[in-house]
Protein backbone atom coordinates (compact mmCIF):
# COMPACT_ATOMS: atom_id res chain seq x y z
CA MET A 1 -85.23 -35.80 26.08
CA LYS A 2 -85.94 -34.06 29.48
CA PHE A 3 -82.62 -31.81 30.09
CA THR A 4 -83.54 -31.58 33.96
CA GLU A 5 -83.70 -34.95 34.61
CA ILE A 6 -80.19 -35.89 32.93
CA TYR A 7 -78.74 -32.82 34.48
CA GLN A 8 -80.21 -34.18 37.71
CA GLU A 9 -78.76 -37.65 36.98
CA LEU A 10 -75.16 -35.83 36.49
CA VAL A 11 -75.75 -34.28 39.93
CA ASN A 12 -76.97 -37.92 41.60
CA SER A 13 -73.74 -39.84 40.10
CA THR A 14 -71.83 -36.98 41.13
CA GLY A 15 -72.83 -37.68 44.58
CA VAL A 16 -72.70 -41.49 44.39
CA ILE A 17 -69.60 -41.38 43.07
CA ARG A 18 -68.19 -39.32 45.82
CA ALA A 19 -69.50 -41.75 48.22
CA LEU A 20 -67.96 -44.96 46.42
CA THR A 21 -64.71 -43.32 46.43
CA ALA A 22 -65.02 -42.08 50.37
CA ASN A 23 -62.37 -43.28 53.31
CA VAL A 24 -60.32 -45.32 50.63
CA SER A 25 -56.67 -45.32 51.18
CA GLN A 26 -53.75 -45.04 48.47
CA GLU A 27 -53.28 -48.71 48.79
CA GLU A 28 -56.74 -49.80 48.67
CA ALA A 29 -57.65 -47.14 45.24
CA ARG A 30 -54.40 -48.88 43.52
CA SER A 31 -55.56 -52.38 44.09
CA LYS A 32 -56.61 -54.25 41.10
CA PRO A 33 -59.00 -57.63 41.59
CA THR A 34 -56.97 -59.06 38.25
CA PRO A 35 -53.74 -57.37 36.16
CA GLU A 36 -56.16 -56.49 33.46
CA SER A 37 -58.73 -54.67 35.63
CA TRP A 38 -58.93 -51.04 36.48
CA SER A 39 -57.90 -49.83 40.08
CA MET A 40 -60.56 -47.33 41.92
CA LEU A 41 -57.73 -44.76 41.45
CA GLU A 42 -57.84 -45.79 37.42
CA VAL A 43 -61.22 -45.32 37.16
CA VAL A 44 -61.38 -41.89 39.33
CA CYS A 45 -58.56 -40.63 37.22
CA HIS A 46 -60.53 -41.53 33.88
CA LEU A 47 -63.42 -39.65 35.16
CA HIS A 48 -61.42 -36.51 35.69
CA ASP A 49 -60.03 -37.03 32.31
CA GLU A 50 -63.12 -37.52 31.02
CA GLU A 51 -64.58 -34.81 32.25
CA ARG A 52 -62.07 -32.41 31.13
CA GLU A 53 -61.29 -33.29 27.68
CA ASP A 54 -64.19 -35.47 26.18
CA PHE A 55 -68.11 -34.55 27.38
CA ARG A 56 -67.69 -31.09 28.43
CA GLU A 57 -65.32 -29.78 25.59
CA HIS A 58 -67.02 -32.38 22.73
CA LEU A 59 -70.68 -31.13 23.73
CA ASP A 60 -69.38 -27.35 23.87
CA PHE A 61 -68.03 -27.79 20.29
CA ILE A 62 -71.04 -29.43 18.77
CA LEU A 63 -73.19 -26.24 20.45
CA HIS A 64 -70.90 -23.45 19.90
CA ARG A 65 -68.52 -24.44 17.29
CA GLN A 66 -66.88 -22.20 14.61
CA GLU A 67 -67.06 -24.01 10.62
CA ARG A 68 -63.28 -23.88 11.05
CA GLU A 69 -62.65 -25.99 14.06
CA THR A 70 -62.46 -29.76 13.97
CA TRP A 71 -63.50 -32.40 16.34
CA LYS A 72 -60.86 -33.17 19.00
CA GLU A 73 -59.54 -37.05 18.54
CA ILE A 74 -58.63 -38.79 22.20
CA ASP A 75 -57.96 -41.85 23.25
CA PRO A 76 -59.32 -42.42 26.64
CA GLN A 77 -58.47 -46.12 26.21
CA SER A 78 -54.80 -45.65 26.44
CA TRP A 79 -54.83 -43.05 28.94
CA ALA A 80 -54.49 -45.53 32.07
CA ALA A 81 -51.25 -46.72 30.70
CA SER A 82 -49.78 -43.60 29.18
CA ARG A 83 -50.65 -41.24 31.85
CA LYS A 84 -49.72 -43.62 34.29
CA TYR A 85 -53.22 -43.43 36.26
CA ASN A 86 -52.33 -46.19 38.86
CA GLU A 87 -49.28 -43.90 40.15
CA GLN A 88 -51.29 -40.87 40.89
CA ASN A 89 -52.39 -39.43 44.27
CA PHE A 90 -56.16 -40.49 45.32
CA VAL A 91 -57.07 -38.28 47.22
CA GLU A 92 -56.16 -35.26 44.59
CA THR A 93 -57.69 -36.96 41.72
CA GLN A 94 -60.67 -37.41 43.56
CA MET A 95 -61.09 -33.71 44.45
CA LYS A 96 -59.72 -32.62 40.74
CA PHE A 97 -62.51 -34.69 39.50
CA LEU A 98 -65.17 -33.16 41.76
CA GLU A 99 -64.00 -29.53 40.73
CA GLU A 100 -64.41 -30.38 37.31
CA ARG A 101 -67.92 -32.15 37.97
CA GLU A 102 -68.74 -28.72 39.56
CA LYS A 103 -67.63 -26.61 36.72
CA SER A 104 -69.44 -28.87 34.17
CA LEU A 105 -72.80 -28.67 36.52
CA ASP A 106 -72.35 -25.06 36.17
CA TRP A 107 -72.03 -24.41 32.98
CA LEU A 108 -74.57 -26.81 31.78
CA ILE A 109 -77.32 -25.46 33.70
CA ASP A 110 -77.12 -22.41 31.72
CA LEU A 111 -77.89 -24.79 28.51
CA SER A 112 -81.07 -25.85 29.62
CA ARG A 113 -82.64 -24.49 26.47
CA ALA A 114 -79.82 -25.41 23.87
CA ASP A 115 -80.79 -27.16 20.71
CA TRP A 116 -80.01 -30.75 21.25
CA ASP A 117 -80.62 -31.69 17.76
CA VAL A 118 -77.81 -29.90 16.64
CA THR A 119 -74.87 -32.50 15.22
CA CYS A 120 -71.60 -32.76 14.07
CA THR A 121 -69.79 -35.31 11.76
CA THR A 122 -67.24 -36.86 14.01
CA PRO A 123 -64.76 -39.59 12.85
CA PHE A 124 -66.96 -42.33 14.04
CA GLY A 125 -70.38 -40.81 12.76
CA VAL A 126 -72.78 -38.23 13.32
CA ILE A 127 -73.93 -37.11 16.63
CA SER A 128 -76.12 -34.47 18.10
CA ALA A 129 -75.60 -32.48 21.16
CA GLY A 130 -78.32 -34.62 22.93
CA ASP A 131 -76.45 -37.80 22.70
CA ILE A 132 -73.31 -36.50 23.97
CA LEU A 133 -75.67 -35.15 27.57
CA VAL A 134 -77.39 -38.59 27.66
CA SER A 135 -74.10 -40.33 26.87
CA TRP A 136 -72.18 -38.31 29.33
CA ALA A 137 -75.05 -39.56 32.46
CA ALA A 138 -74.97 -43.07 30.86
CA HIS A 139 -70.89 -43.07 31.29
CA ASP A 140 -71.22 -42.03 34.83
CA ASN A 141 -73.53 -45.59 35.44
CA LEU A 142 -70.87 -47.63 33.48
CA HIS A 143 -68.20 -46.32 36.30
CA ILE A 144 -70.33 -46.54 38.97
CA ARG A 145 -71.12 -49.97 38.09
CA GLN A 146 -67.21 -50.39 38.20
CA LEU A 147 -66.59 -48.86 41.47
CA VAL A 148 -69.59 -50.78 43.09
CA GLU A 149 -67.75 -54.09 42.04
CA LEU A 150 -64.34 -53.01 43.07
CA LYS A 151 -66.27 -52.20 46.44
CA ARG A 152 -67.49 -55.61 46.79
CA HIS A 153 -64.26 -56.70 45.99
CA GLN A 154 -62.75 -55.04 48.58
CA ILE A 155 -64.74 -55.93 50.99
CA GLU A 156 -64.29 -59.86 50.24
CA THR A 157 -60.76 -59.60 50.38
CA THR A 158 -60.96 -57.31 53.64
CA SER A 159 -63.03 -59.66 55.56
CA ARG A 160 -61.19 -62.86 55.07
CA PRO A 161 -61.62 -65.23 56.66
CA TYR A 162 -65.51 -64.41 57.35
CA LYS A 163 -67.36 -65.08 53.65
CA ILE A 164 -70.08 -62.39 52.08
CA ASP A 165 -72.32 -65.37 50.64
CA TYR A 166 -74.89 -64.52 53.00
CA ALA A 167 -75.18 -61.05 51.05
CA GLY A 168 -76.86 -63.23 48.09
CA ASP A 169 -75.80 -64.04 44.50
CA TRP A 170 -73.95 -61.45 42.49
């Protein structure tokens, strides 16, 4: 693994997330293509909470833990409902995510020479610091894909009666 490439991927994905969520109204942010899907607001809330409570915290734990400490268990799947993501303020949540990401990037830059092979036994198996770092970047990409799909749905919905078929197959 090349730390600088993964770090740059996190920097780049931050810009992509910022662009995909720019100039979106509260109403648009709360919109869901289906009742089961997530809204843009829910995605950004999730990214914010993952930034604070998962990736940075768990990577720090693996790299710097004390023997008496234990892995912090989280339940991100339930957070959308339990934390009422779709009732949050979209602009505030965007800003909070971007602030947390900046903290993460500032913190990560000092870890360029970390031992990425150090491991920890978690409730779901042995995981290395490197696994967490690359999963962080992949997690961004997963939600970038989700945001792109939401943007496409938004374009399709708001542009009626015009059709987007000429754009090509999705």
